[in-house]
Amino acid sequence: MSKKTNKFSADNFGKQTNEVPQENNFYFGKENFKWMLIGLAFIIVGFLLMMGPDANTVDGKFDPNSWNDGIFSVRRIRIAPLFVVIGFIIEVYAILKRK
């Protein structure tokens, strides 16, 4: 009858074993993190492009009698949200990409 050995027994405590170390099973690799940073950069740039004075601000002060048409600029309405959406798409790609 063969003796059953448990690799975590008290007899083997402190002894070195010739086991091969396990391979890193972490899902994300270097490439994933690179794509995540690129996506994050797109999102940050998109939000920075959306910044600016609001509709009723003149020289940094609120004025209810003025109107700023700059809130409807192409940069704030089209380009900035496009950057944010592209950034989120890149983030999804970075998460789903396999090594």
PDB file of N, CA and C in Angstrom:
ATOM      1  N   MET A   1       0.845  -1.169   0.000  1.00  0.00           N
ATOM      2  CA  MET A   1       0.000   0.000   0.000  1.00  0.00           C
ATOM      3  C   MET A   1       0.896   1.239   0.000  1.00  0.00           C
ATOM      4  N   SER A   2       0.596   2.190  -0.866  1.00  0.00           N
ATOM      5  CA  SER A   2       1.427   3.393  -0.945  1.00  0.00           C
ATOM      6  C   SER A   2       0.989   4.401   0.105  1.00  0.00           C
ATOM      7  N   LYS A   3       1.997   5.066   0.600  1.00  0.00           N
ATOM      8  CA  LYS A   3       1.726   6.076   1.626  1.00  0.00           C
ATOM      9  C   LYS A   3       1.256   7.360   0.961  1.00  0.00           C
ATOM     10  N   LYS A   4       0.181   7.922   1.430  1.00  0.00           N
ATOM     11  CA  LYS A   4      -0.364   9.177   0.907  1.00  0.00           C
ATOM     12  C   LYS A   4       0.403  10.331   1.533  1.00  0.00           C
ATOM     13  N   THR A   5       0.930  11.219   0.707  1.00  0.00           N
ATOM     14  CA  THR A   5       1.681  12.351   1.262  1.00  0.00           C
ATOM     15  C   THR A   5       0.938  13.636   0.963  1.00  0.00           C
ATOM     16  N   ASN A   6       0.898  14.470   1.939  1.00  0.00           N
ATOM     17  CA  ASN A   6       0.299  15.793   1.798  1.00  0.00           C
ATOM     18  C   ASN A   6       1.438  16.799   1.744  1.00  0.00           C
ATOM     19  N   LYS A   7       1.486  17.628   0.742  1.00  0.00           N
ATOM     20  CA  LYS A   7       2.625  18.544   0.618  1.00  0.00           C
ATOM     21  C   LYS A   7       2.627  19.639   1.667  1.00  0.00           C
ATOM     22  N   PHE A   8       1.578  19.738   2.474  1.00  0.00           N
ATOM     23  CA  PHE A   8       1.520  20.726   3.543  1.00  0.00           C
ATOM     24  C   PHE A   8       1.510  20.038   4.908  1.00  0.00           C
ATOM     25  N   SER A   9       2.334  19.023   5.091  1.00  0.00           N
ATOM     26  CA  SER A   9       2.366  18.328   6.376  1.00  0.00           C
ATOM     27  C   SER A   9       3.426  18.941   7.278  1.00  0.00           C
ATOM     28  N   ALA A  10       3.361  18.626   8.547  1.00  0.00           N
ATOM     29  CA  ALA A  10       4.317  19.147   9.520  1.00  0.00           C
ATOM     30  C   ALA A  10       5.706  18.581   9.286  1.00  0.00           C
ATOM     31  N   ASP A  11       5.802  17.390   8.702  1.00  0.00           N
ATOM     32  CA  ASP A  11       7.107  16.787   8.449  1.00  0.00           C
ATOM     33  C   ASP A  11       7.911  17.572   7.427  1.00  0.00           C
ATOM     34  N   ASN A  12       7.226  18.187   6.468  1.00  0.00           N
ATOM     35  CA  ASN A  12       7.909  18.916   5.399  1.00  0.00           C
ATOM     36  C   ASN A  12       8.101  20.395   5.697  1.00  0.00           C
ATOM     37  N   PHE A  13       7.698  20.833   6.872  1.00  0.00           N
ATOM     38  CA  PHE A  13       7.776  22.257   7.194  1.00  0.00           C
ATOM     39  C   PHE A  13       9.228  22.706   7.247  1.00  0.00           C
ATOM     40  N   GLY A  14       9.560  23.741   6.508  1.00  0.00           N
ATOM     41  CA  GLY A  14      10.911  24.303   6.498  1.00  0.00           C
ATOM     42  C   GLY A  14      11.846  23.662   5.496  1.00  0.00           C
ATOM     43  N   LYS A  15      11.451  22.569   4.882  1.00  0.00           N
ATOM     44  CA  LYS A  15      12.302  21.915   3.879  1.00  0.00           C
ATOM     45  C   LYS A  15      12.045  22.532   2.516  1.00  0.00           C
ATOM     46  N   GLN A  16      13.098  22.597   1.732  1.00  0.00           N
ATOM     47  CA  GLN A  16      12.958  23.135   0.384  1.00  0.00           C
ATOM     48  C   GLN A  16      12.398  22.054  -0.533  1.00  0.00           C
ATOM     49  N   THR A  17      11.562  22.466  -1.435  1.00  0.00           N
ATOM     50  CA  THR A  17      11.003  21.539  -2.415  1.00  0.00           C
ATOM     51  C   THR A  17      11.476  21.945  -3.801  1.00  0.00           C
ATOM     52  N   ASN A  18      11.436  21.013  -4.699  1.00  0.00           N
ATOM     53  CA  ASN A  18      11.868  21.258  -6.075  1.00  0.00           C
ATOM     54  C   ASN A  18      10.683  21.541  -6.984  1.00  0.00           C
ATOM     55  N   GLU A  19       9.685  22.257  -6.443  1.00  0.00           N
ATOM     56  CA  GLU A  19       8.509  22.574  -7.240  1.00  0.00           C
ATOM     57  C   GLU A  19       8.817  23.727  -8.188  1.00  0.00           C
ATOM     58  N   VAL A  20       8.226  23.660  -9.362  1.00  0.00           N
ATOM     59  CA  VAL A  20       8.364  24.727 -10.340  1.00  0.00           C
ATOM     60  C   VAL A  20       7.404  25.849  -9.943  1.00  0.00           C
ATOM     61  N   PRO A  21       7.881  27.110  -9.872  1.00  0.00           N
ATOM     62  CA  PRO A  21       6.960  28.190  -9.499  1.00  0.00           C
ATOM     63  C   PRO A  21       5.851  28.342 -10.534  1.00  0.00           C
ATOM     64  N   GLN A  22       4.664  28.668 -10.026  1.00  0.00           N
ATOM     65  CA  GLN A  22       3.523  28.805 -10.926  1.00  0.00           C
ATOM     66  C   GLN A  22       3.683  30.025 -11.818  1.00  0.00           C
ATOM     67  N   GLU A  23       3.144  29.903 -13.012  1.00  0.00           N
ATOM     68  CA  GLU A  23       3.148  31.007 -13.965  1.00  0.00           C
ATOM     69  C   GLU A  23       2.219  32.109 -13.459  1.00  0.00           C
ATOM     70  N   ASN A  24       2.556  33.347 -13.768  1.00  0.00           N
ATOM     71  CA  ASN A  24       1.723  34.481 -13.349  1.00  0.00           C
ATOM     72  C   ASN A  24       0.377  34.397 -14.076  1.00  0.00           C
ATOM     73  N   ASN A  25      -0.692  34.233 -13.321  1.00  0.00           N
ATOM     74  CA  ASN A  25      -2.024  34.102 -13.906  1.00  0.00           C
ATOM     75  C   ASN A  25      -2.788  35.410 -13.903  1.00  0.00           C
ATOM     76  N   PHE A  26      -2.111  36.523 -13.734  1.00  0.00           N
ATOM     77  CA  PHE A  26      -2.778  37.819 -13.729  1.00  0.00           C
ATOM     78  C   PHE A  26      -3.292  38.103 -15.133  1.00  0.00           C
ATOM     79  N   TYR A  27      -4.525  38.552 -15.227  1.00  0.00           N
ATOM     80  CA  TYR A  27      -5.178  38.696 -16.532  1.00  0.00           C
ATOM     81  C   TYR A  27      -4.571  39.814 -17.371  1.00  0.00           C
ATOM     82  N   PHE A  28      -4.266  40.950 -16.743  1.00  0.00           N
ATOM     83  CA  PHE A  28      -3.775  42.095 -17.498  1.00  0.00           C
ATOM     84  C   PHE A  28      -2.270  42.021 -17.679  1.00  0.00           C
ATOM     85  N   GLY A  29      -1.852  42.321 -18.893  1.00  0.00           N
ATOM     86  CA  GLY A  29      -0.429  42.388 -19.184  1.00  0.00           C
ATOM     87  C   GLY A  29       0.000  43.821 -19.406  1.00  0.00           C
ATOM     88  N   LYS A  30       1.236  43.975 -19.830  1.00  0.00           N
ATOM     89  CA  LYS A  30       1.789  45.306 -20.072  1.00  0.00           C
ATOM     90  C   LYS A  30       1.004  46.046 -21.156  1.00  0.00           C
ATOM     91  N   GLU A  31       0.607  45.306 -22.165  1.00  0.00           N
ATOM     92  CA  GLU A  31      -0.142  45.887 -23.287  1.00  0.00           C
ATOM     93  C   GLU A  31      -1.504  46.429 -22.821  1.00  0.00           C
ATOM     94  N   ASN A  32      -2.161  45.688 -21.925  1.00  0.00           N
ATOM     95  CA  ASN A  32      -3.458  46.143 -21.397  1.00  0.00           C
ATOM     96  C   ASN A  32      -3.319  47.469 -20.661  1.00  0.00           C
ATOM     97  N   PHE A  33      -2.303  47.581 -19.829  1.00  0.00           N
ATOM     98  CA  PHE A  33      -2.114  48.809 -19.071  1.00  0.00           C
ATOM     99  C   PHE A  33      -1.766  49.986 -19.986  1.00  0.00           C
ATOM    100  N   LYS A  34      -1.020  49.703 -21.045  1.00  0.00           N
ATOM    101  CA  LYS A  34      -0.696  50.765 -22.006  1.00  0.00           C
ATOM    102  C   LYS A  34      -1.975  51.304 -22.645  1.00  0.00           C
ATOM    103  N   TRP A  35      -2.868  50.394 -23.065  1.00  0.00           N
ATOM    104  CA  TRP A  35      -4.129  50.826 -23.677  1.00  0.00           C
ATOM    105  C   TRP A  35      -5.025  51.530 -22.670  1.00  0.00           C
ATOM    106  N   MET A  36      -4.989  51.094 -21.404  1.00  0.00           N
ATOM    107  CA  MET A  36      -5.783  51.769 -20.374  1.00  0.00           C
ATOM    108  C   MET A  36      -5.313  53.206 -20.163  1.00  0.00           C
ATOM    109  N   LEU A  37      -4.011  53.414 -20.163  1.00  0.00           N
ATOM    110  CA  LEU A  37      -3.490  54.777 -20.008  1.00  0.00           C
ATOM    111  C   LEU A  37      -3.844  55.647 -21.207  1.00  0.00           C
ATOM    112  N   ILE A  38      -3.801  55.076 -22.401  1.00  0.00           N
ATOM    113  CA  ILE A  38      -4.184  55.826 -23.595  1.00  0.00           C
ATOM    114  C   ILE A  38      -5.662  56.219 -23.512  1.00  0.00           C
ATOM    115  N   GLY A  39      -6.525  55.280 -23.116  1.00  0.00           N
ATOM    116  CA  GLY A  39      -7.949  55.580 -22.959  1.00  0.00           C
ATOM    117  C   GLY A  39      -8.197  56.633 -21.896  1.00  0.00           C
ATOM    118  N   LEU A  40      -7.479  56.542 -20.784  1.00  0.00           N
ATOM    119  CA  LEU A  40      -7.617  57.541 -19.720  1.00  0.00           C
ATOM    120  C   LEU A  40      -7.183  58.915 -20.208  1.00  0.00           C
ATOM    121  N   ALA A  41      -6.128  58.970 -21.011  1.00  0.00           N
ATOM    122  CA  ALA A  41      -5.671  60.250 -21.566  1.00  0.00           C
ATOM    123  C   ALA A  41      -6.741  60.857 -22.475  1.00  0.00           C
ATOM    124  N   PHE A  42      -7.388  60.033 -23.300  1.00  0.00           N
ATOM    125  CA  PHE A  42      -8.462  60.535 -24.166  1.00  0.00           C
ATOM    126  C   PHE A  42      -9.606  61.100 -23.336  1.00  0.00           C
ATOM    127  N   ILE A  43      -9.979  60.406 -22.260  1.00  0.00           N
ATOM    128  CA  ILE A  43     -11.085  60.867 -21.413  1.00  0.00           C
ATOM    129  C   ILE A  43     -10.728  62.194 -20.747  1.00  0.00           C
ATOM    130  N   ILE A  44      -9.516  62.296 -20.229  1.00  0.00           N
ATOM    131  CA  ILE A  44      -9.089  63.534 -19.568  1.00  0.00           C
ATOM    132  C   ILE A  44      -9.056  64.696 -20.552  1.00  0.00           C
ATOM    133  N   VAL A  45      -8.515  64.464 -21.743  1.00  0.00           N
ATOM    134  CA  VAL A  45      -8.472  65.524 -22.758  1.00  0.00           C
ATOM    135  C   VAL A  45      -9.887  65.937 -23.141  1.00  0.00           C
ATOM    136  N   GLY A  46     -10.798  64.985 -23.256  1.00  0.00           N
ATOM    137  CA  GLY A  46     -12.191  65.298 -23.583  1.00  0.00           C
ATOM    138  C   GLY A  46     -12.829  66.195 -22.539  1.00  0.00           C
ATOM    139  N   PHE A  47     -12.622  65.876 -21.260  1.00  0.00           N
ATOM    140  CA  PHE A  47     -13.201  66.713 -20.209  1.00  0.00           C
ATOM    141  C   PHE A  47     -12.530  68.081 -20.145  1.00  0.00           C
ATOM    142  N   LEU A  48     -11.238  68.133 -20.423  1.00  0.00           N
ATOM    143  CA  LEU A  48     -10.555  69.429 -20.436  1.00  0.00           C
ATOM    144  C   LEU A  48     -11.070  70.303 -21.586  1.00  0.00           C
ATOM    145  N   LEU A  49     -11.380  69.680 -22.727  1.00  0.00           N
ATOM    146  CA  LEU A  49     -11.918  70.443 -23.856  1.00  0.00           C
ATOM    147  C   LEU A  49     -13.330  70.964 -23.568  1.00  0.00           C
ATOM    148  N   MET A  50     -14.054  70.300 -22.680  1.00  0.00           N
ATOM    149  CA  MET A  50     -15.402  70.757 -22.336  1.00  0.00           C
ATOM    150  C   MET A  50     -15.381  71.945 -21.381  1.00  0.00           C
ATOM    151  N   MET A  51     -14.258  72.172 -20.731  1.00  0.00           N
ATOM    152  CA  MET A  51     -14.190  73.248 -19.745  1.00  0.00           C
ATOM    153  C   MET A  51     -14.255  74.626 -20.398  1.00  0.00           C
ATOM    154  N   GLY A  52     -14.663  75.590 -19.634  1.00  0.00           N
ATOM    155  CA  GLY A  52     -14.735  76.966 -20.103  1.00  0.00           C
ATOM    156  C   GLY A  52     -15.816  77.705 -19.344  1.00  0.00           C
ATOM    157  N   PRO A  53     -15.989  78.978 -19.635  1.00  0.00           N
ATOM    158  CA  PRO A  53     -17.006  79.746 -18.923  1.00  0.00           C
ATOM    159  C   PRO A  53     -18.404  79.240 -19.275  1.00  0.00           C
ATOM    160  N   ASP A  54     -19.312  79.370 -18.309  1.00  0.00           N
ATOM    161  CA  ASP A  54     -20.680  78.938 -18.575  1.00  0.00           C
ATOM    162  C   ASP A  54     -21.454  80.031 -19.310  1.00  0.00           C
ATOM    163  N   ALA A  55     -22.716  79.827 -19.486  1.00  0.00           N
ATOM    164  CA  ALA A  55     -23.526  80.703 -20.327  1.00  0.00           C
ATOM    165  C   ALA A  55     -23.672  82.113 -19.781  1.00  0.00           C
ATOM    166  N   ASN A  56     -23.653  82.282 -18.481  1.00  0.00           N
ATOM    167  CA  ASN A  56     -23.900  83.601 -17.892  1.00  0.00           C
ATOM    168  C   ASN A  56     -22.682  84.173 -17.183  1.00  0.00           C
ATOM    169  N   THR A  57     -21.504  83.816 -17.608  1.00  0.00           N
ATOM    170  CA  THR A  57     -20.296  84.313 -16.964  1.00  0.00           C
ATOM    171  C   THR A  57     -19.594  85.316 -17.868  1.00  0.00           C
ATOM    172  N   VAL A  58     -19.285  86.476 -17.319  1.00  0.00           N
ATOM    173  CA  VAL A  58     -18.535  87.498 -18.038  1.00  0.00           C
ATOM    174  C   VAL A  58     -17.325  87.857 -17.183  1.00  0.00           C
ATOM    175  N   ASP A  59     -16.142  87.661 -17.710  1.00  0.00           N
ATOM    176  CA  ASP A  59     -14.893  87.946 -17.001  1.00  0.00           C
ATOM    177  C   ASP A  59     -14.839  87.249 -15.639  1.00  0.00           C
ATOM    178  N   GLY A  60     -15.335  86.017 -15.562  1.00  0.00           N
ATOM    179  CA  GLY A  60     -15.276  85.238 -14.338  1.00  0.00           C
ATOM    180  C   GLY A  60     -16.358  85.540 -13.329  1.00  0.00           C
ATOM    181  N   LYS A  61     -17.280  86.452 -13.642  1.00  0.00           N
ATOM    182  CA  LYS A  61     -18.350  86.803 -12.706  1.00  0.00           C
ATOM    183  C   LYS A  61     -19.706  86.501 -13.334  1.00  0.00           C
ATOM    184  N   PHE A  62     -20.617  86.034 -12.502  1.00  0.00           N
ATOM    185  CA  PHE A  62     -21.961  85.704 -12.961  1.00  0.00           C
ATOM    186  C   PHE A  62     -22.736  86.977 -13.284  1.00  0.00           C
ATOM    187  N   ASP A  63     -23.287  87.010 -14.495  1.00  0.00           N
ATOM    188  CA  ASP A  63     -24.089  88.156 -14.918  1.00  0.00           C
ATOM    189  C   ASP A  63     -25.353  87.629 -15.588  1.00  0.00           C
ATOM    190  N   PRO A  64     -26.511  87.721 -14.949  1.00  0.00           N
ATOM    191  CA  PRO A  64     -27.732  87.165 -15.543  1.00  0.00           C
ATOM    192  C   PRO A  64     -28.199  87.920 -16.780  1.00  0.00           C
ATOM    193  N   ASN A  65     -27.650  89.100 -17.040  1.00  0.00           N
ATOM    194  CA  ASN A  65     -28.070  89.881 -18.207  1.00  0.00           C
ATOM    195  C   ASN A  65     -27.232  89.607 -19.446  1.00  0.00           C
ATOM    196  N   SER A  66     -26.258  88.719 -19.352  1.00  0.00           N
ATOM    197  CA  SER A  66     -25.416  88.424 -20.519  1.00  0.00           C
ATOM    198  C   SER A  66     -25.603  86.967 -20.939  1.00  0.00           C
ATOM    199  N   TRP A  67     -25.229  86.701 -22.169  1.00  0.00           N
ATOM    200  CA  TRP A  67     -25.332  85.344 -22.708  1.00  0.00           C
ATOM    201  C   TRP A  67     -24.064  85.032 -23.484  1.00  0.00           C
ATOM    202  N   ASN A  68     -23.466  83.888 -23.210  1.00  0.00           N
ATOM    203  CA  ASN A  68     -22.236  83.467 -23.861  1.00  0.00           C
ATOM    204  C   ASN A  68     -22.563  82.338 -24.842  1.00  0.00           C
ATOM    205  N   ASP A  69     -22.451  82.633 -26.140  1.00  0.00           N
ATOM    206  CA  ASP A  69     -22.721  81.600 -27.150  1.00  0.00           C
ATOM    207  C   ASP A  69     -21.592  80.583 -27.259  1.00  0.00           C
ATOM    208  N   GLY A  70     -20.496  80.812 -26.542  1.00  0.00           N
ATOM    209  CA  GLY A  70     -19.359  79.900 -26.579  1.00  0.00           C
ATOM    210  C   GLY A  70     -19.675  78.515 -26.030  1.00  0.00           C
ATOM    211  N   ILE A  71     -20.755  78.395 -25.266  1.00  0.00           N
ATOM    212  CA  ILE A  71     -21.094  77.071 -24.732  1.00  0.00           C
ATOM    213  C   ILE A  71     -21.572  76.137 -25.841  1.00  0.00           C
ATOM    214  N   PHE A  72     -21.947  76.682 -26.974  1.00  0.00           N
ATOM    215  CA  PHE A  72     -22.386  75.868 -28.097  1.00  0.00           C
ATOM    216  C   PHE A  72     -21.319  75.737 -29.175  1.00  0.00           C
ATOM    217  N   SER A  73     -20.063  75.922 -28.807  1.00  0.00           N
ATOM    218  CA  SER A  73     -18.986  75.830 -29.800  1.00  0.00           C
ATOM    219  C   SER A  73     -18.793  74.375 -30.222  1.00  0.00           C
ATOM    220  N   VAL A  74     -18.197  74.197 -31.378  1.00  0.00           N
ATOM    221  CA  VAL A  74     -17.943  72.862 -31.922  1.00  0.00           C
ATOM    222  C   VAL A  74     -17.029  72.082 -30.980  1.00  0.00           C
ATOM    223  N   ARG A  75     -16.103  72.768 -30.359  1.00  0.00           N
ATOM    224  CA  ARG A  75     -15.164  72.120 -29.446  1.00  0.00           C
ATOM    225  C   ARG A  75     -15.910  71.481 -28.270  1.00  0.00           C
ATOM    226  N   ARG A  76     -16.876  72.198 -27.688  1.00  0.00           N
ATOM    227  CA  ARG A  76     -17.566  71.711 -26.497  1.00  0.00           C
ATOM    228  C   ARG A  76     -18.717  70.759 -26.802  1.00  0.00           C
ATOM    229  N   ILE A  77     -19.315  70.888 -27.981  1.00  0.00           N
ATOM    230  CA  ILE A  77     -20.485  70.075 -28.298  1.00  0.00           C
ATOM    231  C   ILE A  77     -20.132  68.818 -29.102  1.00  0.00           C
ATOM    232  N   ARG A  78     -19.138  68.892 -29.955  1.00  0.00           N
ATOM    233  CA  ARG A  78     -18.814  67.768 -30.842  1.00  0.00           C
ATOM    234  C   ARG A  78     -17.490  67.092 -30.499  1.00  0.00           C
ATOM    235  N   ILE A  79     -16.414  67.869 -30.433  1.00  0.00           N
ATOM    236  CA  ILE A  79     -15.077  67.288 -30.306  1.00  0.00           C
ATOM    237  C   ILE A  79     -14.848  66.676 -28.920  1.00  0.00           C
ATOM    238  N   ALA A  80     -15.158  67.416 -27.864  1.00  0.00           N
ATOM    239  CA  ALA A  80     -14.901  66.933 -26.507  1.00  0.00           C
ATOM    240  C   ALA A  80     -15.675  65.648 -26.186  1.00  0.00           C
ATOM    241  N   PRO A  81     -16.976  65.592 -26.449  1.00  0.00           N
ATOM    242  CA  PRO A  81     -17.673  64.327 -26.175  1.00  0.00           C
ATOM    243  C   PRO A  81     -17.162  63.166 -27.030  1.00  0.00           C
ATOM    244  N   LEU A  82     -16.721  63.463 -28.257  1.00  0.00           N
ATOM    245  CA  LEU A  82     -16.144  62.425 -29.108  1.00  0.00           C
ATOM    246  C   LEU A  82     -14.881  61.850 -28.472  1.00  0.00           C
ATOM    247  N   PHE A  83     -14.030  62.709 -27.903  1.00  0.00           N
ATOM    248  CA  PHE A  83     -12.822  62.246 -27.222  1.00  0.00           C
ATOM    249  C   PHE A  83     -13.184  61.359 -26.028  1.00  0.00           C
ATOM    250  N   VAL A  84     -14.201  61.756 -25.270  1.00  0.00           N
ATOM    251  CA  VAL A  84     -14.598  60.976 -24.095  1.00  0.00           C
ATOM    252  C   VAL A  84     -15.132  59.606 -24.520  1.00  0.00           C
ATOM    253  N   VAL A  85     -15.966  59.561 -25.534  1.00  0.00           N
ATOM    254  CA  VAL A  85     -16.520  58.292 -25.997  1.00  0.00           C
ATOM    255  C   VAL A  85     -15.413  57.396 -26.552  1.00  0.00           C
ATOM    256  N   ILE A  86     -14.500  57.963 -27.324  1.00  0.00           N
ATOM    257  CA  ILE A  86     -13.367  57.180 -27.840  1.00  0.00           C
ATOM    258  C   ILE A  86     -12.533  56.642 -26.677  1.00  0.00           C
ATOM    259  N   GLY A  87     -12.338  57.458 -25.650  1.00  0.00           N
ATOM    260  CA  GLY A  87     -11.596  57.005 -24.475  1.00  0.00           C
ATOM    261  C   GLY A  87     -12.258  55.828 -23.790  1.00  0.00           C
ATOM    262  N   PHE A  88     -13.591  55.871 -23.656  1.00  0.00           N
ATOM    263  CA  PHE A  88     -14.299  54.751 -23.029  1.00  0.00           C
ATOM    264  C   PHE A  88     -14.250  53.499 -23.908  1.00  0.00           C
ATOM    265  N   ILE A  89     -14.290  53.662 -25.207  1.00  0.00           N
ATOM    266  CA  ILE A  89     -14.175  52.514 -26.116  1.00  0.00           C
ATOM    267  C   ILE A  89     -12.792  51.888 -25.979  1.00  0.00           C
ATOM    268  N   ILE A  90     -11.755  52.716 -25.900  1.00  0.00           N
ATOM    269  CA  ILE A  90     -10.391  52.201 -25.712  1.00  0.00           C
ATOM    270  C   ILE A  90     -10.282  51.473 -24.371  1.00  0.00           C
ATOM    271  N   GLU A  91     -10.928  51.993 -23.337  1.00  0.00           N
ATOM    272  CA  GLU A  91     -10.900  51.330 -22.026  1.00  0.00           C
ATOM    273  C   GLU A  91     -11.548  49.940 -22.104  1.00  0.00           C
ATOM    274  N   VAL A  92     -12.670  49.837 -22.778  1.00  0.00           N
ATOM    275  CA  VAL A  92     -13.329  48.533 -22.920  1.00  0.00           C
ATOM    276  C   VAL A  92     -12.428  47.575 -23.689  1.00  0.00           C
ATOM    277  N   TYR A  93     -11.792  48.060 -24.753  1.00  0.00           N
ATOM    278  CA  TYR A  93     -10.850  47.236 -25.512  1.00  0.00           C
ATOM    279  C   TYR A  93      -9.702  46.777 -24.627  1.00  0.00           C
ATOM    280  N   ALA A  94      -9.161  47.683 -23.806  1.00  0.00           N
ATOM    281  CA  ALA A  94      -8.025  47.347 -22.939  1.00  0.00           C
ATOM    282  C   ALA A  94      -8.421  46.289 -21.910  1.00  0.00           C
ATOM    283  N   ILE A  95      -9.639  46.343 -21.423  1.00  0.00           N
ATOM    284  CA  ILE A  95     -10.083  45.362 -20.421  1.00  0.00           C
ATOM    285  C   ILE A  95     -10.322  43.997 -21.065  1.00  0.00           C
ATOM    286  N   LEU A  96     -10.896  43.990 -22.258  1.00  0.00           N
ATOM    287  CA  LEU A  96     -11.238  42.711 -22.898  1.00  0.00           C
ATOM    288  C   LEU A  96     -10.093  42.082 -23.674  1.00  0.00           C
ATOM    289  N   LYS A  97      -9.021  42.826 -23.932  1.00  0.00           N
ATOM    290  CA  LYS A  97      -7.892  42.312 -24.721  1.00  0.00           C
ATOM    291  C   LYS A  97      -7.174  41.217 -23.947  1.00  0.00           C
ATOM    292  N   ARG A  98      -6.921  40.117 -24.621  1.00  0.00           N
ATOM    293  CA  ARG A  98      -6.177  39.008 -24.006  1.00  0.00           C
ATOM    294  C   ARG A  98      -4.686  39.201 -24.227  1.00  0.00           C
ATOM    295  N   LYS A  99      -3.910  38.530 -23.385  1.00  0.00           N
ATOM    296  CA  LYS A  99      -2.453  38.588 -23.543  1.00  0.00           C
ATOM    297  C   LYS A  99      -2.030  37.950 -24.846  1.00  0.00           C
TER     298      LYS A  99
END
